[in-house]
Amino acid sequence: MATGGNAIRGTRVGAGPMGEQDHGFHAERVAVSYWDAMGNETVRYFAAGIPEEEIPDVIDSPHSGLPAGRDKDNPPAVAKTEPYKTHLAYVKERRTEEEAEELLGDALTQLRERRGQA
């Protein structure tokens, strides 16, 4: 039985030179820990040369969805969400009762003029 000279046998296609240890250059980076109100820690990595003011103070925790801050002892509080408001509620915030009556009267007058009922 003759042994063939198949050099590919037993290696992965595209594996590169045998024994290659370096698979690219890794840039220097810094690890920043964030904690949410439930005590979950999330680590984010940033480039080592980035200015401190560009690193966010608060992120959304992927574990809980809560805001997570850099201070372990004082995690950020959950932002209070406003309840859904209807269009009428927003209008009432902007107008007084007197303004509403005046606007309604003007609109009714214009409608009656268009219909020929004035």
PDB file of N, CA and C in Angstrom:
ATOM      1  N   MET A   1       0.843  -1.159   0.000  1.00  0.00           N
ATOM      2  CA  MET A   1       0.000   0.000   0.000  1.00  0.00           C
ATOM      3  C   MET A   1       0.892   1.227   0.000  1.00  0.00           C
ATOM      4  N   ALA A   2       0.679   2.084  -0.941  1.00  0.00           N
ATOM      5  CA  ALA A   2       1.528   3.260  -1.092  1.00  0.00           C
ATOM      6  C   ALA A   2       0.884   4.445  -0.392  1.00  0.00           C
ATOM      7  N   THR A   3       1.715   5.217   0.259  1.00  0.00           N
ATOM      8  CA  THR A   3       1.188   6.412   0.911  1.00  0.00           C
ATOM      9  C   THR A   3       1.253   7.554  -0.069  1.00  0.00           C
ATOM     10  N   GLY A   4       0.175   8.298  -0.171  1.00  0.00           N
ATOM     11  CA  GLY A   4       0.112   9.433  -1.080  1.00  0.00           C
ATOM     12  C   GLY A   4       0.738  10.662  -0.448  1.00  0.00           C
ATOM     13  N   GLY A   5       1.046  11.633  -1.229  1.00  0.00           N
ATOM     14  CA  GLY A   5       1.641  12.870  -0.739  1.00  0.00           C
ATOM     15  C   GLY A   5       0.598  13.973  -0.591  1.00  0.00           C
ATOM     16  N   ASN A   6      -0.550  13.665  -0.019  1.00  0.00           N
ATOM     17  CA  ASN A   6      -1.617  14.649   0.119  1.00  0.00           C
ATOM     18  C   ASN A   6      -1.324  15.536   1.330  1.00  0.00           C
ATOM     19  N   ALA A   7      -0.888  16.769   1.099  1.00  0.00           N
ATOM     20  CA  ALA A   7      -0.509  17.684   2.177  1.00  0.00           C
ATOM     21  C   ALA A   7      -1.715  18.286   2.882  1.00  0.00           C
ATOM     22  N   ILE A   8      -2.881  18.236   2.267  1.00  0.00           N
ATOM     23  CA  ILE A   8      -4.057  18.872   2.838  1.00  0.00           C
ATOM     24  C   ILE A   8      -4.736  17.978   3.868  1.00  0.00           C
ATOM     25  N   ARG A   9      -4.514  16.707   3.812  1.00  0.00           N
ATOM     26  CA  ARG A   9      -5.205  15.777   4.696  1.00  0.00           C
ATOM     27  C   ARG A   9      -4.979  16.149   6.165  1.00  0.00           C
ATOM     28  N   GLY A  10      -6.075  16.261   6.924  1.00  0.00           N
ATOM     29  CA  GLY A  10      -5.995  16.522   8.349  1.00  0.00           C
ATOM     30  C   GLY A  10      -5.934  17.996   8.723  1.00  0.00           C
ATOM     31  N   THR A  11      -6.030  18.908   7.775  1.00  0.00           N
ATOM     32  CA  THR A  11      -6.015  20.338   8.091  1.00  0.00           C
ATOM     33  C   THR A  11      -7.294  20.972   7.601  1.00  0.00           C
ATOM     34  N   ARG A  12      -7.637  22.107   8.187  1.00  0.00           N
ATOM     35  CA  ARG A  12      -8.833  22.838   7.756  1.00  0.00           C
ATOM     36  C   ARG A  12      -8.476  23.699   6.555  1.00  0.00           C
ATOM     37  N   VAL A  13      -9.396  23.809   5.641  1.00  0.00           N
ATOM     38  CA  VAL A  13      -9.194  24.682   4.495  1.00  0.00           C
ATOM     39  C   VAL A  13      -9.230  26.122   4.986  1.00  0.00           C
ATOM     40  N   GLY A  14      -8.234  26.921   4.616  1.00  0.00           N
ATOM     41  CA  GLY A  14      -8.166  28.308   5.026  1.00  0.00           C
ATOM     42  C   GLY A  14      -7.566  28.493   6.395  1.00  0.00           C
ATOM     43  N   ALA A  15      -6.963  27.451   6.960  1.00  0.00           N
ATOM     44  CA  ALA A  15      -6.421  27.538   8.304  1.00  0.00           C
ATOM     45  C   ALA A  15      -5.146  28.363   8.354  1.00  0.00           C
ATOM     46  N   GLY A  16      -4.510  28.608   7.240  1.00  0.00           N
ATOM     47  CA  GLY A  16      -3.274  29.386   7.235  1.00  0.00           C
ATOM     48  C   GLY A  16      -2.071  28.491   7.492  1.00  0.00           C
ATOM     49  N   PRO A  17      -0.923  29.088   7.635  1.00  0.00           N
ATOM     50  CA  PRO A  17       0.289  28.293   7.852  1.00  0.00           C
ATOM     51  C   PRO A  17       0.182  27.500   9.158  1.00  0.00           C
ATOM     52  N   MET A  18       0.728  26.326   9.154  1.00  0.00           N
ATOM     53  CA  MET A  18       0.698  25.479  10.350  1.00  0.00           C
ATOM     54  C   MET A  18       1.471  26.154  11.479  1.00  0.00           C
ATOM     55  N   GLY A  19       0.908  26.130  12.660  1.00  0.00           N
ATOM     56  CA  GLY A  19       1.589  26.672  13.814  1.00  0.00           C
ATOM     57  C   GLY A  19       1.483  28.180  13.958  1.00  0.00           C
ATOM     58  N   GLU A  20       0.649  28.825  13.177  1.00  0.00           N
ATOM     59  CA  GLU A  20       0.511  30.284  13.261  1.00  0.00           C
ATOM     60  C   GLU A  20      -0.159  30.655  14.578  1.00  0.00           C
ATOM     61  N   GLN A  21       0.467  31.482  15.383  1.00  0.00           N
ATOM     62  CA  GLN A  21      -0.060  31.868  16.682  1.00  0.00           C
ATOM     63  C   GLN A  21      -0.737  33.231  16.666  1.00  0.00           C
ATOM     64  N   ASP A  22      -0.246  34.137  15.847  1.00  0.00           N
ATOM     65  CA  ASP A  22      -0.770  35.494  15.832  1.00  0.00           C
ATOM     66  C   ASP A  22      -1.899  35.591  14.810  1.00  0.00           C
ATOM     67  N   HIS A  23      -3.098  35.866  15.280  1.00  0.00           N
ATOM     68  CA  HIS A  23      -4.262  35.965  14.387  1.00  0.00           C
ATOM     69  C   HIS A  23      -4.736  37.404  14.263  1.00  0.00           C
ATOM     70  N   GLY A  24      -3.837  38.343  14.266  1.00  0.00           N
ATOM     71  CA  GLY A  24      -4.205  39.735  14.099  1.00  0.00           C
ATOM     72  C   GLY A  24      -3.701  40.582  15.245  1.00  0.00           C
ATOM     73  N   PHE A  25      -3.848  41.880  15.085  1.00  0.00           N
ATOM     74  CA  PHE A  25      -3.370  42.835  16.075  1.00  0.00           C
ATOM     75  C   PHE A  25      -4.531  43.243  16.970  1.00  0.00           C
ATOM     76  N   HIS A  26      -4.338  43.187  18.272  1.00  0.00           N
ATOM     77  CA  HIS A  26      -5.359  43.614  19.222  1.00  0.00           C
ATOM     78  C   HIS A  26      -4.972  44.981  19.766  1.00  0.00           C
ATOM     79  N   ALA A  27      -5.833  45.958  19.546  1.00  0.00           N
ATOM     80  CA  ALA A  27      -5.579  47.314  20.039  1.00  0.00           C
ATOM     81  C   ALA A  27      -5.723  47.351  21.559  1.00  0.00           C
ATOM     82  N   GLU A  28      -5.011  48.268  22.171  1.00  0.00           N
ATOM     83  CA  GLU A  28      -5.131  48.426  23.613  1.00  0.00           C
ATOM     84  C   GLU A  28      -6.523  48.952  23.944  1.00  0.00           C
ATOM     85  N   ARG A  29      -7.064  48.470  25.042  1.00  0.00           N
ATOM     86  CA  ARG A  29      -8.409  48.876  25.428  1.00  0.00           C
ATOM     87  C   ARG A  29      -8.520  48.912  26.939  1.00  0.00           C
ATOM     88  N   VAL A  30      -9.562  49.595  27.410  1.00  0.00           N
ATOM     89  CA  VAL A  30      -9.829  49.671  28.841  1.00  0.00           C
ATOM     90  C   VAL A  30     -11.211  49.074  29.098  1.00  0.00           C
ATOM     91  N   ALA A  31     -11.328  48.386  30.218  1.00  0.00           N
ATOM     92  CA  ALA A  31     -12.609  47.794  30.615  1.00  0.00           C
ATOM     93  C   ALA A  31     -13.293  48.747  31.591  1.00  0.00           C
ATOM     94  N   VAL A  32     -14.575  49.008  31.333  1.00  0.00           N
ATOM     95  CA  VAL A  32     -15.371  49.871  32.209  1.00  0.00           C
ATOM     96  C   VAL A  32     -16.566  49.044  32.689  1.00  0.00           C
ATOM     97  N   SER A  33     -16.734  48.979  34.012  1.00  0.00           N
ATOM     98  CA  SER A  33     -17.845  48.217  34.592  1.00  0.00           C
ATOM     99  C   SER A  33     -19.031  49.133  34.875  1.00  0.00           C
ATOM    100  N   TYR A  34     -20.206  48.602  34.623  1.00  0.00           N
ATOM    101  CA  TYR A  34     -21.466  49.301  34.892  1.00  0.00           C
ATOM    102  C   TYR A  34     -22.331  48.378  35.740  1.00  0.00           C
ATOM    103  N   TRP A  35     -23.107  48.948  36.679  1.00  0.00           N
ATOM    104  CA  TRP A  35     -24.007  48.182  37.534  1.00  0.00           C
ATOM    105  C   TRP A  35     -25.408  48.755  37.461  1.00  0.00           C
ATOM    106  N   ASP A  36     -26.406  47.850  37.424  1.00  0.00           N
ATOM    107  CA  ASP A  36     -27.804  48.291  37.449  1.00  0.00           C
ATOM    108  C   ASP A  36     -28.342  48.170  38.873  1.00  0.00           C
ATOM    109  N   ALA A  37     -29.600  48.529  39.070  1.00  0.00           N
ATOM    110  CA  ALA A  37     -30.208  48.535  40.409  1.00  0.00           C
ATOM    111  C   ALA A  37     -30.347  47.140  40.992  1.00  0.00           C
ATOM    112  N   MET A  38     -30.300  46.105  40.165  1.00  0.00           N
ATOM    113  CA  MET A  38     -30.412  44.732  40.652  1.00  0.00           C
ATOM    114  C   MET A  38     -29.038  44.140  40.985  1.00  0.00           C
ATOM    115  N   GLY A  39     -27.968  44.914  40.782  1.00  0.00           N
ATOM    116  CA  GLY A  39     -26.629  44.443  41.098  1.00  0.00           C
ATOM    117  C   GLY A  39     -25.921  43.728  39.966  1.00  0.00           C
ATOM    118  N   ASN A  40     -26.525  43.686  38.787  1.00  0.00           N
ATOM    119  CA  ASN A  40     -25.881  43.050  37.635  1.00  0.00           C
ATOM    120  C   ASN A  40     -24.736  43.912  37.133  1.00  0.00           C
ATOM    121  N   GLU A  41     -23.600  43.274  36.856  1.00  0.00           N
ATOM    122  CA  GLU A  41     -22.452  44.002  36.312  1.00  0.00           C
ATOM    123  C   GLU A  41     -22.354  43.746  34.817  1.00  0.00           C
ATOM    124  N   THR A  42     -22.116  44.799  34.071  1.00  0.00           N
ATOM    125  CA  THR A  42     -21.882  44.721  32.639  1.00  0.00           C
ATOM    126  C   THR A  42     -20.554  45.393  32.360  1.00  0.00           C
ATOM    127  N   VAL A  43     -19.691  44.733  31.595  1.00  0.00           N
ATOM    128  CA  VAL A  43     -18.385  45.292  31.268  1.00  0.00           C
ATOM    129  C   VAL A  43     -18.388  45.689  29.800  1.00  0.00           C
ATOM    130  N   ARG A  44     -18.007  46.909  29.533  1.00  0.00           N
ATOM    131  CA  ARG A  44     -17.864  47.417  28.172  1.00  0.00           C
ATOM    132  C   ARG A  44     -16.405  47.788  27.963  1.00  0.00           C
ATOM    133  N   TYR A  45     -15.904  47.558  26.763  1.00  0.00           N
ATOM    134  CA  TYR A  45     -14.509  47.850  26.446  1.00  0.00           C
ATOM    135  C   TYR A  45     -14.444  49.040  25.496  1.00  0.00           C
ATOM    136  N   PHE A  46     -13.503  49.930  25.776  1.00  0.00           N
ATOM    137  CA  PHE A  46     -13.301  51.119  24.968  1.00  0.00           C
ATOM    138  C   PHE A  46     -11.830  51.217  24.606  1.00  0.00           C
ATOM    139  N   ALA A  47     -11.536  51.910  23.511  1.00  0.00           N
ATOM    140  CA  ALA A  47     -10.150  52.115  23.099  1.00  0.00           C
ATOM    141  C   ALA A  47      -9.396  52.836  24.209  1.00  0.00           C
ATOM    142  N   ALA A  48      -8.132  52.446  24.415  1.00  0.00           N
ATOM    143  CA  ALA A  48      -7.348  52.993  25.520  1.00  0.00           C
ATOM    144  C   ALA A  48      -7.117  54.489  25.370  1.00  0.00           C
ATOM    145  N   GLY A  49      -7.073  55.012  24.164  1.00  0.00           N
ATOM    146  CA  GLY A  49      -6.787  56.425  23.953  1.00  0.00           C
ATOM    147  C   GLY A  49      -8.004  57.327  23.954  1.00  0.00           C
ATOM    148  N   ILE A  50      -9.188  56.779  24.208  1.00  0.00           N
ATOM    149  CA  ILE A  50     -10.399  57.599  24.154  1.00  0.00           C
ATOM    150  C   ILE A  50     -10.435  58.534  25.365  1.00  0.00           C
ATOM    151  N   PRO A  51     -10.838  59.799  25.161  1.00  0.00           N
ATOM    152  CA  PRO A  51     -10.944  60.719  26.305  1.00  0.00           C
ATOM    153  C   PRO A  51     -12.014  60.243  27.291  1.00  0.00           C
ATOM    154  N   GLU A  52     -11.803  60.504  28.565  1.00  0.00           N
ATOM    155  CA  GLU A  52     -12.719  60.062  29.622  1.00  0.00           C
ATOM    156  C   GLU A  52     -14.136  60.589  29.420  1.00  0.00           C
ATOM    157  N   GLU A  53     -14.270  61.823  28.904  1.00  0.00           N
ATOM    158  CA  GLU A  53     -15.617  62.395  28.744  1.00  0.00           C
ATOM    159  C   GLU A  53     -16.412  61.726  27.622  1.00  0.00           C
ATOM    160  N   GLU A  54     -15.762  60.942  26.772  1.00  0.00           N
ATOM    161  CA  GLU A  54     -16.483  60.243  25.705  1.00  0.00           C
ATOM    162  C   GLU A  54     -16.995  58.872  26.144  1.00  0.00           C
ATOM    163  N   ILE A  55     -16.559  58.408  27.297  1.00  0.00           N
ATOM    164  CA  ILE A  55     -17.068  57.140  27.820  1.00  0.00           C
ATOM    165  C   ILE A  55     -18.390  57.435  28.523  1.00  0.00           C
ATOM    166  N   PRO A  56     -19.477  56.754  28.127  1.00  0.00           N
ATOM    167  CA  PRO A  56     -20.786  57.077  28.710  1.00  0.00           C
ATOM    168  C   PRO A  56     -20.856  56.758  30.202  1.00  0.00           C
ATOM    169  N   ASP A  57     -21.585  57.603  30.933  1.00  0.00           N
ATOM    170  CA  ASP A  57     -21.783  57.391  32.364  1.00  0.00           C
ATOM    171  C   ASP A  57     -22.879  56.367  32.627  1.00  0.00           C
ATOM    172  N   VAL A  58     -23.860  56.289  31.724  1.00  0.00           N
ATOM    173  CA  VAL A  58     -25.000  55.389  31.907  1.00  0.00           C
ATOM    174  C   VAL A  58     -25.240  54.625  30.609  1.00  0.00           C
ATOM    175  N   ILE A  59     -25.500  53.326  30.728  1.00  0.00           N
ATOM    176  CA  ILE A  59     -25.880  52.490  29.592  1.00  0.00           C
ATOM    177  C   ILE A  59     -27.129  51.716  29.986  1.00  0.00           C
ATOM    178  N   ASP A  60     -27.750  51.035  29.026  1.00  0.00           N
ATOM    179  CA  ASP A  60     -28.860  50.134  29.323  1.00  0.00           C
ATOM    180  C   ASP A  60     -28.282  48.751  29.583  1.00  0.00           C
ATOM    181  N   SER A  61     -28.629  48.168  30.729  1.00  0.00           N
ATOM    182  CA  SER A  61     -28.117  46.855  31.081  1.00  0.00           C
ATOM    183  C   SER A  61     -28.731  45.799  30.177  1.00  0.00           C
ATOM    184  N   PRO A  62     -27.912  44.957  29.538  1.00  0.00           N
ATOM    185  CA  PRO A  62     -28.486  43.901  28.700  1.00  0.00           C
ATOM    186  C   PRO A  62     -29.149  42.792  29.517  1.00  0.00           C
ATOM    187  N   HIS A  63     -28.824  42.697  30.819  1.00  0.00           N
ATOM    188  CA  HIS A  63     -29.399  41.661  31.673  1.00  0.00           C
ATOM    189  C   HIS A  63     -30.828  41.993  32.078  1.00  0.00           C
ATOM    190  N   SER A  64     -31.057  43.245  32.478  1.00  0.00           N
ATOM    191  CA  SER A  64     -32.359  43.604  33.041  1.00  0.00           C
ATOM    192  C   SER A  64     -33.097  44.667  32.234  1.00  0.00           C
ATOM    193  N   GLY A  65     -32.405  45.384  31.359  1.00  0.00           N
ATOM    194  CA  GLY A  65     -33.026  46.482  30.634  1.00  0.00           C
ATOM    195  C   GLY A  65     -33.063  47.769  31.435  1.00  0.00           C
ATOM    196  N   LEU A  66     -32.577  47.733  32.676  1.00  0.00           N
ATOM    197  CA  LEU A  66     -32.546  48.925  33.528  1.00  0.00           C
ATOM    198  C   LEU A  66     -31.328  49.774  33.182  1.00  0.00           C
ATOM    199  N   PRO A  67     -31.352  51.048  33.543  1.00  0.00           N
ATOM    200  CA  PRO A  67     -30.152  51.856  33.335  1.00  0.00           C
ATOM    201  C   PRO A  67     -29.043  51.376  34.273  1.00  0.00           C
ATOM    202  N   ALA A  68     -27.812  51.371  33.773  1.00  0.00           N
ATOM    203  CA  ALA A  68     -26.661  50.928  34.560  1.00  0.00           C
ATOM    204  C   ALA A  68     -25.619  52.035  34.574  1.00  0.00           C
ATOM    205  N   GLY A  69     -25.069  52.311  35.758  1.00  0.00           N
ATOM    206  CA  GLY A  69     -24.077  53.371  35.915  1.00  0.00           C
ATOM    207  C   GLY A  69     -22.735  52.821  36.375  1.00  0.00           C
ATOM    208  N   ARG A  70     -21.757  53.708  36.441  1.00  0.00           N
ATOM    209  CA  ARG A  70     -20.399  53.300  36.782  1.00  0.00           C
ATOM    210  C   ARG A  70     -20.155  53.219  38.286  1.00  0.00           C
ATOM    211  N   ASP A  71     -21.057  53.754  39.097  1.00  0.00           N
ATOM    212  CA  ASP A  71     -20.921  53.718  40.548  1.00  0.00           C
ATOM    213  C   ASP A  71     -21.686  52.516  41.080  1.00  0.00           C
ATOM    214  N   LYS A  72     -20.945  51.511  41.594  1.00  0.00           N
ATOM    215  CA  LYS A  72     -21.574  50.270  42.055  1.00  0.00           C
ATOM    216  C   LYS A  72     -22.519  50.512  43.226  1.00  0.00           C
ATOM    217  N   ASP A  73     -22.161  51.433  44.119  1.00  0.00           N
ATOM    218  CA  ASP A  73     -22.972  51.676  45.315  1.00  0.00           C
ATOM    219  C   ASP A  73     -24.201  52.540  45.047  1.00  0.00           C
ATOM    220  N   ASN A  74     -24.190  53.307  43.974  1.00  0.00           N
ATOM    221  CA  ASN A  74     -25.321  54.182  43.625  1.00  0.00           C
ATOM    222  C   ASN A  74     -25.722  53.990  42.170  1.00  0.00           C
ATOM    223  N   PRO A  75     -26.368  52.868  41.836  1.00  0.00           N
ATOM    224  CA  PRO A  75     -26.800  52.692  40.444  1.00  0.00           C
ATOM    225  C   PRO A  75     -27.905  53.694  40.100  1.00  0.00           C
ATOM    226  N   PRO A  76     -28.030  54.067  38.837  1.00  0.00           N
ATOM    227  CA  PRO A  76     -29.058  55.049  38.460  1.00  0.00           C
ATOM    228  C   PRO A  76     -30.466  54.507  38.693  1.00  0.00           C
ATOM    229  N   ALA A  77     -31.352  55.420  39.046  1.00  0.00           N
ATOM    230  CA  ALA A  77     -32.756  55.048  39.267  1.00  0.00           C
ATOM    231  C   ALA A  77     -33.468  54.905  37.933  1.00  0.00           C
ATOM    232  N   VAL A  78     -34.519  54.140  37.952  1.00  0.00           N
ATOM    233  CA  VAL A  78     -35.327  53.959  36.756  1.00  0.00           C
ATOM    234  C   VAL A  78     -36.055  55.258  36.466  1.00  0.00           C
ATOM    235  N   ALA A  79     -35.975  55.709  35.226  1.00  0.00           N
ATOM    236  CA  ALA A  79     -36.653  56.938  34.838  1.00  0.00           C
ATOM    237  C   ALA A  79     -38.164  56.719  34.873  1.00  0.00           C
ATOM    238  N   LYS A  80     -38.873  57.673  35.479  1.00  0.00           N
ATOM    239  CA  LYS A  80     -40.327  57.567  35.570  1.00  0.00           C
ATOM    240  C   LYS A  80     -40.924  57.865  34.203  1.00  0.00           C
ATOM    241  N   THR A  81     -41.743  56.944  33.725  1.00  0.00           N
ATOM    242  CA  THR A  81     -42.363  57.123  32.419  1.00  0.00           C
ATOM    243  C   THR A  81     -43.693  57.847  32.587  1.00  0.00           C
ATOM    244  N   GLU A  82     -43.961  58.755  31.682  1.00  0.00           N
ATOM    245  CA  GLU A  82     -45.220  59.496  31.696  1.00  0.00           C
ATOM    246  C   GLU A  82     -46.318  58.626  31.099  1.00  0.00           C
ATOM    247  N   PRO A  83     -47.511  58.666  31.665  1.00  0.00           N
ATOM    248  CA  PRO A  83     -48.598  57.888  31.086  1.00  0.00           C
ATOM    249  C   PRO A  83     -48.992  58.450  29.722  1.00  0.00           C
ATOM    250  N   TYR A  84     -49.635  57.609  28.932  1.00  0.00           N
ATOM    251  CA  TYR A  84     -50.075  58.017  27.602  1.00  0.00           C
ATOM    252  C   TYR A  84     -51.118  59.116  27.728  1.00  0.00           C
ATOM    253  N   LYS A  85     -50.953  60.154  26.922  1.00  0.00           N
ATOM    254  CA  LYS A  85     -51.925  61.241  26.899  1.00  0.00           C
ATOM    255  C   LYS A  85     -52.609  61.270  25.546  1.00  0.00           C
ATOM    256  N   THR A  86     -53.886  61.593  25.576  1.00  0.00           N
ATOM    257  CA  THR A  86     -54.633  61.727  24.337  1.00  0.00           C
ATOM    258  C   THR A  86     -54.358  63.098  23.732  1.00  0.00           C
ATOM    259  N   HIS A  87     -54.770  63.266  22.500  1.00  0.00           N
ATOM    260  CA  HIS A  87     -54.620  64.558  21.830  1.00  0.00           C
ATOM    261  C   HIS A  87     -55.382  65.636  22.603  1.00  0.00           C
ATOM    262  N   LEU A  88     -56.561  65.293  23.093  1.00  0.00           N
ATOM    263  CA  LEU A  88     -57.366  66.254  23.842  1.00  0.00           C
ATOM    264  C   LEU A  88     -56.655  66.709  25.118  1.00  0.00           C
ATOM    265  N   ALA A  89     -55.963  65.798  25.782  1.00  0.00           N
ATOM    266  CA  ALA A  89     -55.228  66.154  27.002  1.00  0.00           C
ATOM    267  C   ALA A  89     -54.123  67.169  26.695  1.00  0.00           C
ATOM    268  N   TYR A  90     -53.421  66.984  25.566  1.00  0.00           N
ATOM    269  CA  TYR A  90     -52.384  67.945  25.179  1.00  0.00           C
ATOM    270  C   TYR A  90     -52.995  69.307  24.835  1.00  0.00           C
ATOM    271  N   VAL A  91     -54.149  69.297  24.165  1.00  0.00           N
ATOM    272  CA  VAL A  91     -54.821  70.555  23.820  1.00  0.00           C
ATOM    273  C   VAL A  91     -55.248  71.284  25.091  1.00  0.00           C
ATOM    274  N   LYS A  92     -55.785  70.554  26.054  1.00  0.00           N
ATOM    275  CA  LYS A  92     -56.224  71.175  27.308  1.00  0.00           C
ATOM    276  C   LYS A  92     -55.061  71.757  28.103  1.00  0.00           C
ATOM    277  N   GLU A  93     -53.848  71.206  27.919  1.00  0.00           N
ATOM    278  CA  GLU A  93     -52.681  71.777  28.586  1.00  0.00           C
ATOM    279  C   GLU A  93     -52.310  73.132  27.990  1.00  0.00           C
ATOM    280  N   ARG A  94     -52.560  73.298  26.682  1.00  0.00           N
ATOM    281  CA  ARG A  94     -52.143  74.525  25.998  1.00  0.00           C
ATOM    282  C   ARG A  94     -53.203  75.627  26.024  1.00  0.00           C
ATOM    283  N   ARG A  95     -54.468  75.276  26.199  1.00  0.00           N
ATOM    284  CA  ARG A  95     -55.558  76.245  26.096  1.00  0.00           C
ATOM    285  C   ARG A  95     -56.328  76.358  27.408  1.00  0.00           C
ATOM    286  N   THR A  96     -56.809  77.572  27.686  1.00  0.00           N
ATOM    287  CA  THR A  96     -57.712  77.759  28.820  1.00  0.00           C
ATOM    288  C   THR A  96     -59.130  77.462  28.346  1.00  0.00           C
ATOM    289  N   GLU A  97     -60.067  77.384  29.276  1.00  0.00           N
ATOM    290  CA  GLU A  97     -61.468  77.120  28.914  1.00  0.00           C
ATOM    291  C   GLU A  97     -62.014  78.244  28.033  1.00  0.00           C
ATOM    292  N   GLU A  98     -61.629  79.495  28.359  1.00  0.00           N
ATOM    293  CA  GLU A  98     -62.117  80.638  27.574  1.00  0.00           C
ATOM    294  C   GLU A  98     -61.598  80.574  26.135  1.00  0.00           C
ATOM    295  N   GLU A  99     -60.315  80.252  25.979  1.00  0.00           N
ATOM    296  CA  GLU A  99     -59.739  80.139  24.630  1.00  0.00           C
ATOM    297  C   GLU A  99     -60.406  79.009  23.858  1.00  0.00           C
ATOM    298  N   ALA A 100     -60.700  77.910  24.540  1.00  0.00           N
ATOM    299  CA  ALA A 100     -61.346  76.780  23.882  1.00  0.00           C
ATOM    300  C   ALA A 100     -62.742  77.163  23.398  1.00  0.00           C
ATOM    301  N   GLU A 101     -63.501  77.873  24.250  1.00  0.00           N
ATOM    302  CA  GLU A 101     -64.844  78.310  23.855  1.00  0.00           C
ATOM    303  C   GLU A 101     -64.782  79.244  22.648  1.00  0.00           C
ATOM    304  N   GLU A 102     -63.820  80.171  22.661  1.00  0.00           N
ATOM    305  CA  GLU A 102     -63.672  81.118  21.548  1.00  0.00           C
ATOM    306  C   GLU A 102     -63.318  80.394  20.251  1.00  0.00           C
ATOM    307  N   LEU A 103     -62.366  79.460  20.327  1.00  0.00           N
ATOM    308  CA  LEU A 103     -61.971  78.708  19.130  1.00  0.00           C
ATOM    309  C   LEU A 103     -63.120  77.863  18.601  1.00  0.00           C
ATOM    310  N   LEU A 104     -63.848  77.229  19.498  1.00  0.00           N
ATOM    311  CA  LEU A 104     -64.981  76.421  19.072  1.00  0.00           C
ATOM    312  C   LEU A 104     -66.055  77.286  18.421  1.00  0.00           C
ATOM    313  N   GLY A 105     -66.314  78.440  18.990  1.00  0.00           N
ATOM    314  CA  GLY A 105     -67.297  79.353  18.392  1.00  0.00           C
ATOM    315  C   GLY A 105     -66.874  79.810  17.008  1.00  0.00           C
ATOM    316  N   ASP A 106     -65.589  80.159  16.838  1.00  0.00           N
ATOM    317  CA  ASP A 106     -65.093  80.563  15.511  1.00  0.00           C
ATOM    318  C   ASP A 106     -65.228  79.429  14.505  1.00  0.00           C
ATOM    319  N   ALA A 107     -64.884  78.215  14.913  1.00  0.00           N
ATOM    320  CA  ALA A 107     -64.964  77.068  14.009  1.00  0.00           C
ATOM    321  C   ALA A 107     -66.409  76.794  13.611  1.00  0.00           C
ATOM    322  N   LEU A 108     -67.337  76.892  14.562  1.00  0.00           N
ATOM    323  CA  LEU A 108     -68.748  76.663  14.238  1.00  0.00           C
ATOM    324  C   LEU A 108     -69.290  77.736  13.310  1.00  0.00           C
ATOM    325  N   THR A 109     -68.863  78.977  13.516  1.00  0.00           N
ATOM    326  CA  THR A 109     -69.295  80.069  12.634  1.00  0.00           C
ATOM    327  C   THR A 109     -68.810  79.828  11.206  1.00  0.00           C
ATOM    328  N   GLN A 110     -67.560  79.450  11.042  1.00  0.00           N
ATOM    329  CA  GLN A 110     -67.018  79.179   9.699  1.00  0.00           C
ATOM    330  C   GLN A 110     -67.737  78.007   9.054  1.00  0.00           C
ATOM    331  N   LEU A 111     -68.050  76.968   9.832  1.00  0.00           N
ATOM    332  CA  LEU A 111     -68.736  75.804   9.299  1.00  0.00           C
ATOM    333  C   LEU A 111     -70.148  76.178   8.832  1.00  0.00           C
ATOM    334  N   ARG A 112     -70.839  76.994   9.622  1.00  0.00           N
ATOM    335  CA  ARG A 112     -72.195  77.392   9.264  1.00  0.00           C
ATOM    336  C   ARG A 112     -72.186  78.285   8.023  1.00  0.00           C
ATOM    337  N   GLU A 113     -71.167  79.158   7.887  1.00  0.00           N
ATOM    338  CA  GLU A 113     -71.072  80.013   6.705  1.00  0.00           C
ATOM    339  C   GLU A 113     -70.860  79.176   5.446  1.00  0.00           C
ATOM    340  N   ARG A 114     -70.029  78.130   5.556  1.00  0.00           N
ATOM    341  CA  ARG A 114     -69.775  77.268   4.388  1.00  0.00           C
ATOM    342  C   ARG A 114     -71.022  76.493   4.005  1.00  0.00           C
ATOM    343  N   ARG A 115     -71.830  76.143   4.965  1.00  0.00           N
ATOM    344  CA  ARG A 115     -73.047  75.378   4.672  1.00  0.00           C
ATOM    345  C   ARG A 115     -74.221  76.302   4.324  1.00  0.00           C
ATOM    346  N   GLY A 116     -74.015  77.591   4.483  1.00  0.00           N
ATOM    347  CA  GLY A 116     -75.082  78.530   4.152  1.00  0.00           C
ATOM    348  C   GLY A 116     -76.136  78.635   5.216  1.00  0.00           C
ATOM    349  N   GLN A 117     -75.787  78.332   6.451  1.00  0.00           N
ATOM    350  CA  GLN A 117     -76.766  78.365   7.550  1.00  0.00           C
ATOM    351  C   GLN A 117     -76.544  79.568   8.480  1.00  0.00           C
ATOM    352  N   ALA A 118     -75.699  80.490   8.103  1.00  0.00           N
ATOM    353  CA  ALA A 118     -75.357  81.590   9.001  1.00  0.00           C
ATOM    354  C   ALA A 118     -76.432  82.617   9.083  1.00  0.00           C
TER     355      ALA A 118
END
